[in-house]
Protein backbone atom coordinates (compact mmCIF):
# COMPACT_ATOMS: atom_id res chain seq x y z
CA MET A 1 0.00 0.00 0.00
CA LEU A 2 1.05 3.58 -0.65
CA LYS A 3 1.05 5.55 2.55
CA GLU A 4 1.47 9.26 2.07
CA SER A 5 2.15 11.88 4.68
CA ALA A 6 0.81 15.19 3.54
CA THR A 7 3.06 17.89 4.88
CA LYS A 8 4.08 21.12 3.27
CA SER A 9 5.64 20.17 -0.02
CA HIS A 10 9.02 21.19 -1.38
CA GLN A 11 7.53 22.24 -4.69
CA GLY A 12 10.02 23.05 -7.36
CA THR A 13 11.15 22.25 -10.83
CA LYS A 14 10.69 18.67 -11.89
CA MET A 15 13.94 16.88 -11.21
CA PHE A 16 13.06 13.66 -13.00
CA GLN A 17 10.91 13.11 -16.06
CA ASN A 18 11.73 9.45 -16.69
CA THR A 19 12.42 6.29 -14.75
CA ILE A 20 13.49 2.83 -15.93
CA VAL A 21 12.71 -0.29 -13.91
CA LYS A 22 13.07 -4.01 -14.60
CA ARG A 23 10.79 -6.72 -13.29
CA PRO A 24 12.30 -9.36 -10.98
CA GLY A 25 12.71 -12.61 -12.92
CA ALA A 26 11.88 -16.11 -11.68
CA THR A 27 15.53 -16.57 -10.65
CA TYR A 28 15.48 -13.42 -8.47
CA ILE A 29 15.40 -15.64 -5.38
CA ASN A 30 18.92 -16.87 -6.28
CA GLY A 31 20.48 -13.39 -6.36
CA LEU A 32 23.64 -12.33 -4.58
CA THR A 33 23.45 -11.28 -0.95
CA THR A 34 25.60 -10.52 2.07
CA SER A 35 22.56 -10.47 4.37
CA ASP A 36 21.17 -13.33 6.47
CA LEU A 37 17.54 -12.28 6.08
CA GLY A 38 16.47 -15.44 4.25
CA THR A 39 15.42 -16.23 0.68
CA PRO A 40 13.18 -13.68 -1.04
CA ILE A 41 9.57 -14.65 -1.75
CA LEU A 42 9.14 -14.02 -5.47
CA GLU A 43 5.40 -13.35 -5.39
CA LYS A 44 5.86 -10.77 -2.65
CA ALA A 45 8.82 -9.19 -4.48
CA LEU A 46 6.63 -8.74 -7.56
CA GLU A 47 3.88 -7.12 -5.48
CA GLN A 48 6.42 -4.78 -3.89
CA HIS A 49 7.79 -3.97 -7.34
CA ASP A 50 4.26 -3.13 -8.54
CA ALA A 51 3.89 -0.70 -5.64
CA TYR A 52 7.28 0.82 -6.47
CA ILE A 53 6.19 1.46 -10.08
CA GLU A 54 2.96 3.06 -8.84
CA ALA A 55 4.96 5.30 -6.50
CA LEU A 56 7.19 6.47 -9.37
CA LYS A 57 4.05 7.34 -11.33
CA THR A 58 2.64 9.20 -8.33
CA CYS A 59 5.85 11.21 -8.30
CA GLY A 60 5.12 12.27 -11.88
CA THR A 61 7.61 10.21 -13.87
CA ASP A 62 7.06 8.22 -17.06
CA VAL A 63 8.04 4.67 -16.12
CA THR A 64 9.69 2.36 -18.66
CA VAL A 65 9.18 -1.21 -17.42
CA LEU A 66 11.58 -3.81 -18.83
CA SER A 67 10.67 -7.47 -18.52
CA GLY A 68 12.64 -9.69 -16.18
CA ASN A 69 15.57 -11.80 -17.36
CA ASP A 70 16.08 -15.16 -15.65
CA GLN A 71 19.68 -15.27 -16.83
CA PHE A 72 20.49 -12.41 -14.42
CA PRO A 73 18.92 -12.92 -10.97
CA ASP A 74 19.98 -9.46 -9.74
CA SER A 75 18.98 -7.51 -12.84
CA THR A 76 15.98 -5.86 -11.19
CA PHE A 77 18.60 -3.63 -9.49
CA VAL A 78 18.96 -1.49 -12.62
CA GLU A 79 20.68 1.42 -10.89
CA ASP A 80 23.99 -0.43 -10.98
CA THR A 81 24.09 -0.55 -14.79
CA ALA A 82 24.40 3.16 -15.57
CA VAL A 83 25.06 6.70 -14.39
CA LEU A 84 22.67 9.18 -16.00
CA THR A 85 23.00 12.95 -16.27
CA PRO A 86 20.81 15.42 -18.16
CA GLU A 87 23.31 15.52 -21.05
CA PHE A 88 24.82 12.04 -21.31
CA ALA A 89 24.78 8.48 -19.97
CA VAL A 90 27.61 6.31 -18.71
CA ILE A 91 27.11 2.55 -19.05
CA SER A 92 28.81 0.99 -16.06
CA ASN A 93 30.81 -2.21 -15.71
CA PRO A 94 29.27 -3.96 -12.68
CA GLY A 95 31.77 -5.44 -10.25
CA ALA A 96 30.08 -8.81 -9.68
CA ASP A 97 30.88 -11.34 -12.42
CA THR A 98 27.34 -12.70 -12.47
CA ARG A 99 25.96 -9.19 -13.01
CA ASN A 100 28.32 -7.94 -15.66
CA GLY A 101 26.17 -8.97 -18.60
CA GLU A 102 23.21 -6.93 -17.37
CA ILE A 103 24.54 -3.87 -19.16
CA HIS A 104 23.93 -5.41 -22.59
CA GLU A 105 20.20 -5.55 -22.00
CA MET A 106 20.07 -2.08 -20.46
CA GLU A 107 22.02 -0.45 -23.26
CA PRO A 108 19.15 -0.34 -25.83
CA ALA A 109 16.79 1.12 -23.21
CA ILE A 110 19.30 3.84 -22.36
CA LYS A 111 20.05 4.49 -26.04
CA SER A 112 16.35 5.19 -26.59
CA PHE A 113 16.80 8.26 -24.37
CA TYR A 114 20.44 9.28 -24.92
CA ASP A 115 22.58 10.04 -27.95
CA LYS A 116 25.78 10.62 -26.00
CA ILE A 117 27.01 7.54 -24.15
CA TYR A 118 30.28 6.73 -22.42
CA TYR A 119 31.44 3.34 -21.14
CA ILE A 120 33.41 2.13 -18.13
CA LYS A 121 35.92 -0.36 -19.50
CA ALA A 122 37.61 -3.35 -17.82
CA PRO A 123 39.66 -3.71 -15.70
CA GLY A 124 37.65 -0.83 -14.28
CA THR A 125 34.50 -1.88 -12.43
CA LEU A 126 31.68 0.41 -11.37
CA ASP A 127 28.24 -0.06 -9.81
CA GLY A 128 25.76 2.80 -10.15
CA GLY A 129 24.84 2.30 -6.49
CA ASP A 130 28.22 3.81 -5.64
CA ILE A 131 27.47 7.09 -7.42
CA LEU A 132 25.73 10.03 -5.74
CA GLN A 133 24.98 13.22 -7.63
CA ILE A 134 24.58 16.45 -5.67
CA GLU A 135 23.85 19.17 -8.23
CA ASP A 136 27.00 19.42 -10.41
CA HIS A 137 29.14 17.35 -8.03
CA PHE A 138 29.38 13.56 -8.19
CA TYR A 139 30.65 11.41 -5.34
CA ILE A 140 32.07 8.04 -6.42
CA GLY A 141 32.37 5.31 -3.80
CA ILE A 142 35.16 2.75 -3.85
CA SER A 143 33.54 -0.50 -2.66
CA ALA A 144 33.66 -4.26 -3.15
CA ARG A 145 31.99 -3.59 -6.52
CA THR A 146 33.58 -0.32 -7.71
CA ASN A 147 37.36 -0.29 -7.97
CA GLN A 148 39.84 2.58 -8.17
CA GLU A 149 40.25 2.16 -11.93
CA GLY A 150 36.49 2.33 -12.56
CA ALA A 151 36.13 5.32 -10.24
CA GLU A 152 38.94 7.18 -12.00
CA GLN A 153 37.44 6.46 -15.43
CA LEU A 154 34.12 7.94 -14.32
CA GLN A 155 35.87 10.89 -12.71
CA GLN A 156 37.63 11.68 -15.99
CA ILE A 157 34.38 11.41 -17.97
CA LEU A 158 32.55 13.70 -15.56
CA GLU A 159 35.32 16.27 -15.39
CA SER A 160 35.53 16.34 -19.20
CA GLU A 161 31.83 17.29 -19.13
CA ASN A 162 32.40 20.08 -16.58
CA TYR A 163 31.12 18.22 -13.54
CA LYS A 164 33.04 17.93 -10.29
CA ALA A 165 33.88 14.45 -9.03
CA THR A 166 35.20 13.23 -5.68
CA ILE A 167 36.27 9.65 -4.98
CA VAL A 168 35.16 8.37 -1.55
CA PRO A 169 36.61 5.07 -0.26
CA LEU A 170 33.97 3.23 1.79
CA GLN A 171 34.72 1.72 5.19
CA LYS A 172 31.67 -0.43 5.92
CA PHE A 173 28.77 0.26 3.60
CA PHE A 174 28.06 -2.07 0.69
CA HIS A 175 27.47 0.80 -1.76
CA LEU A 176 27.88 4.54 -1.31
CA LYS A 177 24.13 5.09 -1.56
CA THR A 178 23.48 2.47 1.12
CA GLY A 179 24.21 5.23 3.61
CA ILE A 180 23.52 8.56 1.93
CA ALA A 181 20.86 10.22 -0.23
CA TYR A 182 20.47 13.71 -1.70
CA LEU A 183 17.15 15.48 -1.24
CA GLY A 184 17.85 18.72 -3.12
CA ASN A 185 18.36 22.11 -1.46
CA GLN A 186 21.88 21.09 -0.32
CA THR A 187 20.28 18.61 2.11
CA ILE A 188 21.42 15.01 2.54
CA VAL A 189 20.17 12.01 4.50
CA VAL A 190 23.12 10.29 6.17
CA ALA A 191 23.83 7.22 8.28
CA GLY A 192 26.83 5.42 9.73
CA GLU A 193 30.19 6.38 8.33
CA PHE A 194 28.79 9.40 6.47
CA VAL A 195 27.35 11.22 9.50
CA ASP A 196 30.68 12.92 10.22
CA HIS A 197 32.44 12.26 6.91
CA PRO A 198 34.56 15.30 5.93
CA ASP A 199 33.47 15.12 2.27
CA PHE A 200 29.86 15.80 3.27
CA ASN A 201 30.26 18.36 6.05
CA SER A 202 29.20 21.30 3.88
CA TYR A 203 25.65 19.97 3.46
CA GLN A 204 22.62 20.19 5.72
CA LYS A 205 22.10 16.74 7.21
CA ILE A 206 19.14 14.64 8.25
CA VAL A 207 20.79 11.98 10.40
CA VAL A 208 19.34 8.47 10.41
CA PRO A 209 19.66 6.74 13.79
CA PRO A 210 21.84 3.58 13.81
CA GLU A 211 18.88 1.23 14.32
CA GLU A 212 17.19 2.68 11.20
CA GLU A 213 20.31 2.70 9.00
CA TYR A 214 18.54 0.96 6.09
CA ALA A 215 16.25 4.00 5.71
CA ALA A 216 19.19 6.14 4.57
CA ASN A 217 18.64 4.61 1.13
CA CYS A 218 15.66 6.77 0.22
CA ILE A 219 15.00 8.62 -3.03
CA ARG A 220 13.77 12.11 -3.71
CA VAL A 221 11.62 11.99 -6.84
CA ASN A 222 10.17 15.39 -7.68
CA ASP A 223 7.75 16.40 -4.89
CA TYR A 224 8.13 13.24 -2.81
CA VAL A 225 10.73 11.30 -0.88
CA ILE A 226 10.16 7.55 -1.20
CA ILE A 227 11.28 5.76 1.96
CA PRO A 228 11.20 2.14 3.12
CA SER A 229 8.34 1.45 5.54
CA GLY A 230 9.00 0.63 9.16
CA TYR A 231 11.45 3.42 10.04
CA PRO A 232 9.35 5.90 12.04
CA GLN A 233 12.14 8.16 13.32
CA THR A 234 13.55 8.77 9.84
CA LYS A 235 10.06 9.35 8.45
CA GLN A 236 9.30 11.86 11.21
CA LYS A 237 12.56 13.73 10.58
CA LEU A 238 11.79 13.98 6.86
CA ASN A 239 8.22 15.14 7.47
CA GLU A 240 9.38 17.71 10.01
CA ALA A 241 11.87 19.00 7.44
CA GLY A 242 8.91 19.58 5.11
CA TYR A 243 9.15 16.59 2.79
CA GLN A 244 6.16 14.56 1.63
CA THR A 245 6.94 10.88 2.06
CA ILE A 246 5.69 7.74 0.37
CA GLU A 247 6.42 4.57 2.34
CA LEU A 248 7.04 1.29 0.53
CA ASP A 249 7.65 -2.20 1.87
CA THR A 250 11.01 -3.37 0.49
CA SER A 251 11.49 -6.52 2.59
CA GLU A 252 12.10 -8.83 -0.38
CA PHE A 253 14.68 -6.50 -1.92
CA ARG A 254 16.48 -5.93 1.35
CA LYS A 255 17.11 -9.69 1.50
CA LEU A 256 19.43 -9.26 -1.52
CA ASP A 257 21.13 -6.09 -0.21
CA GLY A 258 18.73 -3.99 -2.30
CA GLY A 259 17.17 -0.66 -1.44
CA LEU A 260 14.88 1.87 -3.03
CA SER A 261 17.51 3.60 -5.16
CA CYS A 262 18.76 0.29 -6.61
CA LEU A 263 15.43 -0.47 -8.28
CA SER A 264 15.34 2.40 -10.78
CA LEU A 265 17.28 4.69 -13.05
CA ARG A 266 15.93 8.23 -12.63
CA PHE A 267 16.62 11.02 -15.11
């Protein structure tokens, strides 16, 4: 169910016109995970994905829904396949061997929106979940999935297009965006290692308490912030800061280390 909290809205220009999502395939239950939350229930994952698509529509985006691919259990996590800017796209080179081929199916979808496309090339690896854009500044996480070579390739691409780029080695988080989100207006949601991280001290912060760390992976989509359900303190902080929230159950995606940002490309 979509639960909305009506508070005063941060109205503004439309940040995102389009979103791309991909249905979980029958093999989704066999996807990669570092969690011990159990095996996902496919039927429930599909219902949660339906609700996610509805939320993206509520936020005013045109949603492109790609069908699932059983060859790639993790391919519903489309965010890892690309980095999208208003002017150009970068097709990534995912760091997990079993996920690497996902980019070939995403490429035509991205080409239907973009003429200018760059590529991260091996031995560089890069997951889109490690990339956070704050206005004209990109932060690139070095993680188990994004290596120094991949990060430097993206940095060079971005700087050649007049964006700023900062490489941020991660200490604990799986992906950069596991613990940080940008809400617009120089405001970030932070958890764990990013609460006092020097690279992010110039921004206004909404701090997620340690027991609600998973809620740091939220997404601002136009007039709403989509958050995982079940994290009341984070929700209250967002509402008090003036953001309208939509809560979604993401239990079956969390089982495979997935969060709200992982499930879509937003541009």
